[in-house]
PDB file of N, CA and C in Angstrom:
ATOM      1  N   UNK A   1      31.159   6.752  -7.634  1.00  0.00           N
ATOM      2  CA  UNK A   1      31.370   6.690  -6.206  1.00  0.00           C
ATOM      3  C   UNK A   1      30.882   5.340  -5.697  1.00  0.00           C
ATOM      4  N   UNK A   2      31.587   4.772  -4.734  1.00  0.00           N
ATOM      5  CA  UNK A   2      31.180   3.523  -4.108  1.00  0.00           C
ATOM      6  C   UNK A   2      30.774   3.789  -2.663  1.00  0.00           C
ATOM      7  N   UNK A   3      29.940   2.909  -2.125  1.00  0.00           N
ATOM      8  CA  UNK A   3      29.534   3.046  -0.727  1.00  0.00           C
ATOM      9  C   UNK A   3      30.754   2.979   0.180  1.00  0.00           C
ATOM     10  N   UNK A   4      30.728   3.816   1.216  1.00  0.00           N
ATOM     11  CA  UNK A   4      31.788   3.759   2.219  1.00  0.00           C
ATOM     12  C   UNK A   4      31.488   2.645   3.213  1.00  0.00           C
ATOM     13  N   UNK A   5      32.478   1.866   3.526  1.00  0.00           N
ATOM     14  CA  UNK A   5      32.331   0.797   4.511  1.00  0.00           C
ATOM     15  C   UNK A   5      31.916   1.405   5.848  1.00  0.00           C
ATOM     16  N   UNK A   6      30.902   0.827   6.455  1.00  0.00           N
ATOM     17  CA  UNK A   6      30.460   1.258   7.776  1.00  0.00           C
ATOM     18  C   UNK A   6      29.510   2.435   7.782  1.00  0.00           C
ATOM     19  N   UNK A   7      29.106   2.951   6.640  1.00  0.00           N
ATOM     20  CA  UNK A   7      28.222   4.126   6.609  1.00  0.00           C
ATOM     21  C   UNK A   7      26.769   3.716   6.866  1.00  0.00           C
ATOM     22  N   UNK A   8      26.128   3.139   5.874  1.00  0.00           N
ATOM     23  CA  UNK A   8      24.747   2.647   5.946  1.00  0.00           C
ATOM     24  C   UNK A   8      23.718   3.737   6.224  1.00  0.00           C
ATOM     25  N   UNK A   9      24.056   4.988   5.955  1.00  0.00           N
ATOM     26  CA  UNK A   9      23.091   6.068   6.183  1.00  0.00           C
ATOM     27  C   UNK A   9      21.790   5.819   5.429  1.00  0.00           C
ATOM     28  N   UNK A  10      21.886   5.340   4.195  1.00  0.00           N
ATOM     29  CA  UNK A  10      20.682   5.104   3.400  1.00  0.00           C
ATOM     30  C   UNK A  10      19.845   3.958   3.948  1.00  0.00           C
ATOM     31  N   UNK A  11      20.440   3.069   4.725  1.00  0.00           N
ATOM     32  CA  UNK A  11      19.725   1.938   5.324  1.00  0.00           C
ATOM     33  C   UNK A  11      19.145   2.286   6.690  1.00  0.00           C
ATOM     34  N   UNK A  12      19.444   3.485   7.152  1.00  0.00           N
ATOM     35  CA  UNK A  12      18.976   3.910   8.478  1.00  0.00           C
ATOM     36  C   UNK A  12      18.119   5.165   8.384  1.00  0.00           C
ATOM     37  N   UNK A  13      18.637   6.200   7.744  1.00  0.00           N
ATOM     38  CA  UNK A  13      18.023   7.533   7.793  1.00  0.00           C
ATOM     39  C   UNK A  13      16.715   7.631   7.028  1.00  0.00           C
ATOM     40  N   UNK A  14      16.697   7.125   5.804  1.00  0.00           N
ATOM     41  CA  UNK A  14      15.531   7.353   4.952  1.00  0.00           C
ATOM     42  C   UNK A  14      14.428   6.325   5.198  1.00  0.00           C
ATOM     43  N   UNK A  15      13.200   6.758   4.934  1.00  0.00           N
ATOM     44  CA  UNK A  15      12.065   5.838   5.017  1.00  0.00           C
ATOM     45  C   UNK A  15      11.958   5.095   3.686  1.00  0.00           C
ATOM     46  N   UNK A  16      11.413   3.901   3.754  1.00  0.00           N
ATOM     47  CA  UNK A  16      11.159   3.108   2.548  1.00  0.00           C
ATOM     48  C   UNK A  16       9.697   2.697   2.624  1.00  0.00           C
ATOM     49  N   UNK A  17       8.910   3.127   1.650  1.00  0.00           N
ATOM     50  CA  UNK A  17       7.468   2.862   1.691  1.00  0.00           C
ATOM     51  C   UNK A  17       7.100   1.520   1.070  1.00  0.00           C
ATOM     52  N   UNK A  18       7.980   0.931   0.286  1.00  0.00           N
ATOM     53  CA  UNK A  18       7.681  -0.362  -0.324  1.00  0.00           C
ATOM     54  C   UNK A  18       8.036  -1.494   0.644  1.00  0.00           C
ATOM     55  N   UNK A  19       7.390  -2.646   0.470  1.00  0.00           N
ATOM     56  CA  UNK A  19       7.694  -3.779   1.345  1.00  0.00           C
ATOM     57  C   UNK A  19       9.148  -4.226   1.206  1.00  0.00           C
ATOM     58  N   UNK A  20       9.681  -4.674   2.311  1.00  0.00           N
ATOM     59  CA  UNK A  20      11.022  -5.249   2.387  1.00  0.00           C
ATOM     60  C   UNK A  20      10.816  -6.626   3.008  1.00  0.00           C
ATOM     61  N   UNK A  21      11.532  -7.653   2.576  1.00  0.00           N
ATOM     62  CA  UNK A  21      11.363  -8.948   3.239  1.00  0.00           C
ATOM     63  C   UNK A  21      11.507  -8.800   4.759  1.00  0.00           C
ATOM     64  N   UNK A  22      10.489  -9.240   5.476  1.00  0.00           N
ATOM     65  CA  UNK A  22      10.492  -9.125   6.930  1.00  0.00           C
ATOM     66  C   UNK A  22       9.968  -7.797   7.445  1.00  0.00           C
ATOM     67  N   UNK A  23       9.759  -6.850   6.548  1.00  0.00           N
ATOM     68  CA  UNK A  23       9.204  -5.531   6.892  1.00  0.00           C
ATOM     69  C   UNK A  23       8.117  -5.224   5.854  1.00  0.00           C
ATOM     70  N   UNK A  24       6.975  -5.882   5.956  1.00  0.00           N
ATOM     71  CA  UNK A  24       5.953  -5.776   4.907  1.00  0.00           C
ATOM     72  C   UNK A  24       5.382  -4.381   4.696  1.00  0.00           C
ATOM     73  N   UNK A  25       5.536  -3.503   5.670  1.00  0.00           N
ATOM     74  CA  UNK A  25       5.016  -2.141   5.536  1.00  0.00           C
ATOM     75  C   UNK A  25       6.134  -1.141   5.264  1.00  0.00           C
ATOM     76  N   UNK A  26       7.284  -1.637   4.880  1.00  0.00           N
ATOM     77  CA  UNK A  26       8.419  -0.767   4.626  1.00  0.00           C
ATOM     78  C   UNK A  26       9.182  -0.467   5.905  1.00  0.00           C
ATOM     79  N   UNK A  27       9.948   0.617   5.856  1.00  0.00           N
ATOM     80  CA  UNK A  27      10.821   0.979   6.970  1.00  0.00           C
ATOM     81  C   UNK A  27      10.670   2.456   7.284  1.00  0.00           C
ATOM     82  N   UNK A  28      10.392   2.798   8.536  1.00  0.00           N
ATOM     83  CA  UNK A  28      10.305   4.212   8.904  1.00  0.00           C
ATOM     84  C   UNK A  28      11.682   4.880   8.903  1.00  0.00           C
ATOM     85  N   UNK A  29      11.677   6.167   8.709  1.00  0.00           N
ATOM     86  CA  UNK A  29      12.917   6.951   8.777  1.00  0.00           C
ATOM     87  C   UNK A  29      13.541   6.812  10.157  1.00  0.00           C
ATOM     88  N   UNK A  30      14.847   6.670  10.184  1.00  0.00           N
ATOM     89  CA  UNK A  30      15.567   6.590  11.446  1.00  0.00           C
ATOM     90  C   UNK A  30      15.653   5.204  12.042  1.00  0.00           C
ATOM     91  N   UNK A  31      14.988   4.244  11.432  1.00  0.00           N
ATOM     92  CA  UNK A  31      15.003   2.863  11.911  1.00  0.00           C
ATOM     93  C   UNK A  31      15.925   2.058  10.998  1.00  0.00           C
ATOM     94  N   UNK A  32      16.918   1.373  11.552  1.00  0.00           N
ATOM     95  CA  UNK A  32      17.794   0.561  10.701  1.00  0.00           C
ATOM     96  C   UNK A  32      17.013  -0.569  10.030  1.00  0.00           C
ATOM     97  N   UNK A  33      17.305  -0.824   8.788  1.00  0.00           N
ATOM     98  CA  UNK A  33      16.708  -1.950   8.077  1.00  0.00           C
ATOM     99  C   UNK A  33      17.103  -3.230   8.799  1.00  0.00           C
ATOM    100  N   UNK A  34      16.185  -4.183   8.870  1.00  0.00           N
ATOM    101  CA  UNK A  34      16.482  -5.430   9.563  1.00  0.00           C
ATOM    102  C   UNK A  34      17.528  -6.267   8.823  1.00  0.00           C
ATOM    103  N   UNK A  35      17.833  -5.911   7.590  1.00  0.00           N
ATOM    104  CA  UNK A  35      18.831  -6.646   6.806  1.00  0.00           C
ATOM    105  C   UNK A  35      20.206  -6.000   6.865  1.00  0.00           C
ATOM    106  N   UNK A  36      20.362  -5.034   7.721  1.00  0.00           N
ATOM    107  CA  UNK A  36      21.656  -4.394   7.913  1.00  0.00           C
ATOM    108  C   UNK A  36      22.487  -5.283   8.836  1.00  0.00           C
ATOM    109  N   UNK A  37      23.654  -5.681   8.381  1.00  0.00           N
ATOM    110  CA  UNK A  37      24.508  -6.576   9.167  1.00  0.00           C
ATOM    111  C   UNK A  37      25.234  -5.781  10.253  1.00  0.00           C
ATOM    112  N   UNK A  38      25.806  -6.456  11.242  1.00  0.00           N
ATOM    113  CA  UNK A  38      26.527  -5.745  12.303  1.00  0.00           C
ATOM    114  C   UNK A  38      27.655  -4.840  11.783  1.00  0.00           C
ATOM    115  N   UNK A  39      28.243  -5.194  10.634  1.00  0.00           N
ATOM    116  CA  UNK A  39      29.290  -4.338  10.069  1.00  0.00           C
ATOM    117  C   UNK A  39      28.715  -3.331   9.063  1.00  0.00           C
ATOM    118  N   UNK A  40      27.400  -3.131   9.148  1.00  0.00           N
ATOM    119  CA  UNK A  40      26.670  -2.129   8.354  1.00  0.00           C
ATOM    120  C   UNK A  40      26.756  -2.380   6.849  1.00  0.00           C
ATOM    121  N   UNK A  41      26.485  -3.596   6.482  1.00  0.00           N
ATOM    122  CA  UNK A  41      26.368  -3.959   5.068  1.00  0.00           C
ATOM    123  C   UNK A  41      24.969  -4.523   4.848  1.00  0.00           C
ATOM    124  N   UNK A  42      24.518  -4.488   3.607  1.00  0.00           N
ATOM    125  CA  UNK A  42      23.186  -5.000   3.272  1.00  0.00           C
ATOM    126  C   UNK A  42      23.255  -6.510   3.051  1.00  0.00           C
ATOM    127  N   UNK A  43      22.513  -7.255   3.858  1.00  0.00           N
ATOM    128  CA  UNK A  43      22.476  -8.710   3.711  1.00  0.00           C
ATOM    129  C   UNK A  43      21.708  -9.129   2.455  1.00  0.00           C
ATOM    130  N   UNK A  44      20.937  -8.203   1.874  1.00  0.00           N
ATOM    131  CA  UNK A  44      20.181  -8.510   0.655  1.00  0.00           C
ATOM    132  C   UNK A  44      20.889  -8.039  -0.615  1.00  0.00           C
ATOM    133  N   UNK A  45      22.054  -7.414  -0.483  1.00  0.00           N
ATOM    134  CA  UNK A  45      22.745  -6.880  -1.655  1.00  0.00           C
ATOM    135  C   UNK A  45      22.972  -8.003  -2.667  1.00  0.00           C
ATOM    136  N   UNK A  46      22.552  -7.766  -3.904  1.00  0.00           N
ATOM    137  CA  UNK A  46      22.693  -8.750  -4.973  1.00  0.00           C
ATOM    138  C   UNK A  46      21.633  -9.840  -4.955  1.00  0.00           C
ATOM    139  N   UNK A  47      20.747  -9.831  -3.984  1.00  0.00           N
ATOM    140  CA  UNK A  47      19.683 -10.830  -3.860  1.00  0.00           C
ATOM    141  C   UNK A  47      18.440 -10.325  -4.581  1.00  0.00           C
ATOM    142  N   UNK A  48      17.700 -11.187  -5.250  1.00  0.00           N
ATOM    143  CA  UNK A  48      16.505 -10.726  -5.983  1.00  0.00           C
ATOM    144  C   UNK A  48      15.409 -10.137  -5.091  1.00  0.00           C
ATOM    145  N   UNK A  49      15.429 -10.444  -3.791  1.00  0.00           N
ATOM    146  CA  UNK A  49      14.420  -9.886  -2.882  1.00  0.00           C
ATOM    147  C   UNK A  49      14.742  -8.463  -2.440  1.00  0.00           C
ATOM    148  N   UNK A  50      15.914  -7.968  -2.785  1.00  0.00           N
ATOM    149  CA  UNK A  50      16.262  -6.598  -2.407  1.00  0.00           C
ATOM    150  C   UNK A  50      15.295  -5.639  -3.106  1.00  0.00           C
ATOM    151  N   UNK A  51      14.679  -4.729  -2.362  1.00  0.00           N
ATOM    152  CA  UNK A  51      13.684  -3.826  -2.967  1.00  0.00           C
ATOM    153  C   UNK A  51      14.269  -2.984  -4.107  1.00  0.00           C
ATOM    154  N   UNK A  52      13.425  -2.716  -5.076  1.00  0.00           N
ATOM    155  CA  UNK A  52      13.838  -1.911  -6.232  1.00  0.00           C
ATOM    156  C   UNK A  52      14.368  -0.550  -5.809  1.00  0.00           C
ATOM    157  N   UNK A  53      13.720   0.063  -4.822  1.00  0.00           N
ATOM    158  CA  UNK A  53      14.160   1.387  -4.363  1.00  0.00           C
ATOM    159  C   UNK A  53      15.600   1.325  -3.859  1.00  0.00           C
ATOM    160  N   UNK A  54      15.975   0.233  -3.231  1.00  0.00           N
ATOM    161  CA  UNK A  54      17.348   0.080  -2.741  1.00  0.00           C
ATOM    162  C   UNK A  54      18.318  -0.172  -3.899  1.00  0.00           C
ATOM    163  N   UNK A  55      17.885  -0.992  -4.855  1.00  0.00           N
ATOM    164  CA  UNK A  55      18.744  -1.256  -6.026  1.00  0.00           C
ATOM    165  C   UNK A  55      18.972   0.011  -6.828  1.00  0.00           C
ATOM    166  N   UNK A  56      17.964   0.874  -6.894  1.00  0.00           N
ATOM    167  CA  UNK A  56      18.049   2.087  -7.707  1.00  0.00           C
ATOM    168  C   UNK A  56      18.832   3.210  -7.041  1.00  0.00           C
ATOM    169  N   UNK A  57      19.001   3.149  -5.720  1.00  0.00           N
ATOM    170  CA  UNK A  57      19.698   4.224  -5.016  1.00  0.00           C
ATOM    171  C   UNK A  57      21.200   4.024  -5.160  1.00  0.00           C
ATOM    172  N   UNK A  58      21.815   4.880  -5.945  1.00  0.00           N
ATOM    173  CA  UNK A  58      23.261   4.783  -6.165  1.00  0.00           C
ATOM    174  C   UNK A  58      23.978   5.825  -5.323  1.00  0.00           C
ATOM    175  N   UNK A  59      25.103   5.459  -4.735  1.00  0.00           N
ATOM    176  CA  UNK A  59      25.846   6.447  -3.952  1.00  0.00           C
ATOM    177  C   UNK A  59      26.324   7.595  -4.837  1.00  0.00           C
ATOM    178  N   UNK A  60      26.217   8.800  -4.303  1.00  0.00           N
ATOM    179  CA  UNK A  60      26.693   9.985  -5.011  1.00  0.00           C
ATOM    180  C   UNK A  60      27.148  10.996  -3.967  1.00  0.00           C
ATOM    181  N   UNK A  61      28.040  11.873  -4.364  1.00  0.00           N
ATOM    182  CA  UNK A  61      28.495  12.884  -3.413  1.00  0.00           C
ATOM    183  C   UNK A  61      27.342  13.788  -2.992  1.00  0.00           C
ATOM    184  N   UNK A  62      26.372  13.983  -3.884  1.00  0.00           N
ATOM    185  CA  UNK A  62      25.193  14.809  -3.561  1.00  0.00           C
ATOM    186  C   UNK A  62      24.433  14.252  -2.357  1.00  0.00           C
ATOM    187  N   UNK A  63      24.300  12.937  -2.269  1.00  0.00           N
ATOM    188  CA  UNK A  63      23.563  12.311  -1.172  1.00  0.00           C
ATOM    189  C   UNK A  63      24.449  11.791  -0.052  1.00  0.00           C
ATOM    190  N   UNK A  64      25.673  11.433  -0.385  1.00  0.00           N
ATOM    191  CA  UNK A  64      26.543  10.770   0.587  1.00  0.00           C
ATOM    192  C   UNK A  64      27.639  11.669   1.145  1.00  0.00           C
ATOM    193  N   UNK A  65      27.845  12.808   0.505  1.00  0.00           N
ATOM    194  CA  UNK A  65      28.873  13.715   0.980  1.00  0.00           C
ATOM    195  C   UNK A  65      30.250  13.077   0.944  1.00  0.00           C
ATOM    196  N   UNK A  66      31.131  13.574   1.807  1.00  0.00           N
ATOM    197  CA  UNK A  66      32.507  13.071   1.839  1.00  0.00           C
ATOM    198  C   UNK A  66      32.806  12.240   3.076  1.00  0.00           C
ATOM    199  N   UNK A  67      31.881  12.248   4.043  1.00  0.00           N
ATOM    200  CA  UNK A  67      32.075  11.466   5.265  1.00  0.00           C
ATOM    201  C   UNK A  67      30.756  10.787   5.613  1.00  0.00           C
ATOM    202  N   UNK A  68      30.834   9.792   6.485  1.00  0.00           N
ATOM    203  CA  UNK A  68      29.609   9.129   6.940  1.00  0.00           C
ATOM    204  C   UNK A  68      28.693  10.115   7.654  1.00  0.00           C
ATOM    205  N   UNK A  69      29.275  10.984   8.464  1.00  0.00           N
ATOM    206  CA  UNK A  69      28.481  11.972   9.195  1.00  0.00           C
ATOM    207  C   UNK A  69      27.758  12.910   8.237  1.00  0.00           C
ATOM    208  N   UNK A  70      28.445  13.314   7.181  1.00  0.00           N
ATOM    209  CA  UNK A  70      27.819  14.187   6.184  1.00  0.00           C
ATOM    210  C   UNK A  70      26.691  13.446   5.471  1.00  0.00           C
ATOM    211  N   UNK A  71      26.870  12.160   5.196  1.00  0.00           N
ATOM    212  CA  UNK A  71      25.820  11.361   4.558  1.00  0.00           C
ATOM    213  C   UNK A  71      24.557  11.359   5.419  1.00  0.00           C
ATOM    214  N   UNK A  72      24.718  11.173   6.730  1.00  0.00           N
ATOM    215  CA  UNK A  72      23.558  11.185   7.621  1.00  0.00           C
ATOM    216  C   UNK A  72      22.861  12.539   7.563  1.00  0.00           C
ATOM    217  N   UNK A  73      23.612  13.630   7.598  1.00  0.00           N
ATOM    218  CA  UNK A  73      23.002  14.978   7.551  1.00  0.00           C
ATOM    219  C   UNK A  73      22.289  15.209   6.222  1.00  0.00           C
ATOM    220  N   UNK A  74      22.936  14.870   5.112  1.00  0.00           N
ATOM    221  CA  UNK A  74      22.336  15.102   3.795  1.00  0.00           C
ATOM    222  C   UNK A  74      21.061  14.278   3.617  1.00  0.00           C
ATOM    223  N   UNK A  75      21.110  13.020   4.014  1.00  0.00           N
ATOM    224  CA  UNK A  75      19.925  12.183   3.841  1.00  0.00           C
ATOM    225  C   UNK A  75      18.808  12.556   4.807  1.00  0.00           C
ATOM    226  N   UNK A  76      19.145  13.035   5.993  1.00  0.00           N
ATOM    227  CA  UNK A  76      18.106  13.541   6.904  1.00  0.00           C
ATOM    228  C   UNK A  76      17.409  14.749   6.288  1.00  0.00           C
ATOM    229  N   UNK A  77      18.163  15.629   5.662  1.00  0.00           N
ATOM    230  CA  UNK A  77      17.566  16.796   4.984  1.00  0.00           C
ATOM    231  C   UNK A  77      16.666  16.350   3.843  1.00  0.00           C
ATOM    232  N   UNK A  78      17.125  15.383   3.060  1.00  0.00           N
ATOM    233  CA  UNK A  78      16.321  14.861   1.960  1.00  0.00           C
ATOM    234  C   UNK A  78      15.043  14.202   2.480  1.00  0.00           C
ATOM    235  N   UNK A  79      15.166  13.433   3.539  1.00  0.00           N
ATOM    236  CA  UNK A  79      13.987  12.782   4.126  1.00  0.00           C
ATOM    237  C   UNK A  79      12.975  13.822   4.596  1.00  0.00           C
ATOM    238  N   UNK A  80      13.423  14.863   5.264  1.00  0.00           N
ATOM    239  CA  UNK A  80      12.515  15.914   5.738  1.00  0.00           C
ATOM    240  C   UNK A  80      11.876  16.657   4.575  1.00  0.00           C
ATOM    241  N   UNK A  81      12.651  16.916   3.519  1.00  0.00           N
ATOM    242  CA  UNK A  81      12.144  17.666   2.369  1.00  0.00           C
ATOM    243  C   UNK A  81      11.114  16.873   1.574  1.00  0.00           C
ATOM    244  N   UNK A  82      11.177  15.550   1.627  1.00  0.00           N
ATOM    245  CA  UNK A  82      10.272  14.724   0.834  1.00  0.00           C
ATOM    246  C   UNK A  82       9.184  14.058   1.677  1.00  0.00           C
ATOM    247  N   UNK A  83       9.145  14.363   2.956  1.00  0.00           N
ATOM    248  CA  UNK A  83       8.133  13.785   3.846  1.00  0.00           C
ATOM    249  C   UNK A  83       6.756  14.332   3.463  1.00  0.00           C
ATOM    250  N   UNK A  84       5.757  13.451   3.371  1.00  0.00           N
ATOM    251  CA  UNK A  84       4.399  13.947   3.085  1.00  0.00           C
ATOM    252  C   UNK A  84       3.952  14.925   4.169  1.00  0.00           C
ATOM    253  N   UNK A  85       3.191  15.942   3.793  1.00  0.00           N
ATOM    254  CA  UNK A  85       2.737  16.911   4.787  1.00  0.00           C
ATOM    255  C   UNK A  85       1.830  16.224   5.800  1.00  0.00           C
ATOM    256  N   UNK A  86       1.930  16.716   7.032  1.00  0.00           N
ATOM    257  CA  UNK A  86       1.137  16.153   8.116  1.00  0.00           C
ATOM    258  C   UNK A  86       1.868  15.071   8.886  1.00  0.00           C
ATOM    259  N   UNK A  87       3.119  14.781   8.518  1.00  0.00           N
ATOM    260  CA  UNK A  87       3.867  13.743   9.238  1.00  0.00           C
ATOM    261  C   UNK A  87       5.071  14.323   9.915  1.00  0.00           C
TER     262      UNK A  87
END
C-alpha cells in the first residue's frame, strides 16, 4: 500500500515522542508536524533528519483504512489505546 495523496493522518493524529528537527520534544497528538507541506506531504521524506519512527511507519490498510477519513479514525483509536495512563 502507498500513502494516499492529501491524507497525512500519521503526521497529524499520532504523537511522536522522539525529537523532530524543529520540534525537539517531539509532536503531540492532534498537532500537525511542522514539516507537513501545504499539500500534506512530508518535507523530510527521504532526508536523513527524518525521525526513525516516521521512516519505520509503513502505510497499511490496518492503520490507513480505505479513505483518509478512516485513516484519521483508525489512528485516533491507536493513539488512545497506546497513550500512557494518566494522560
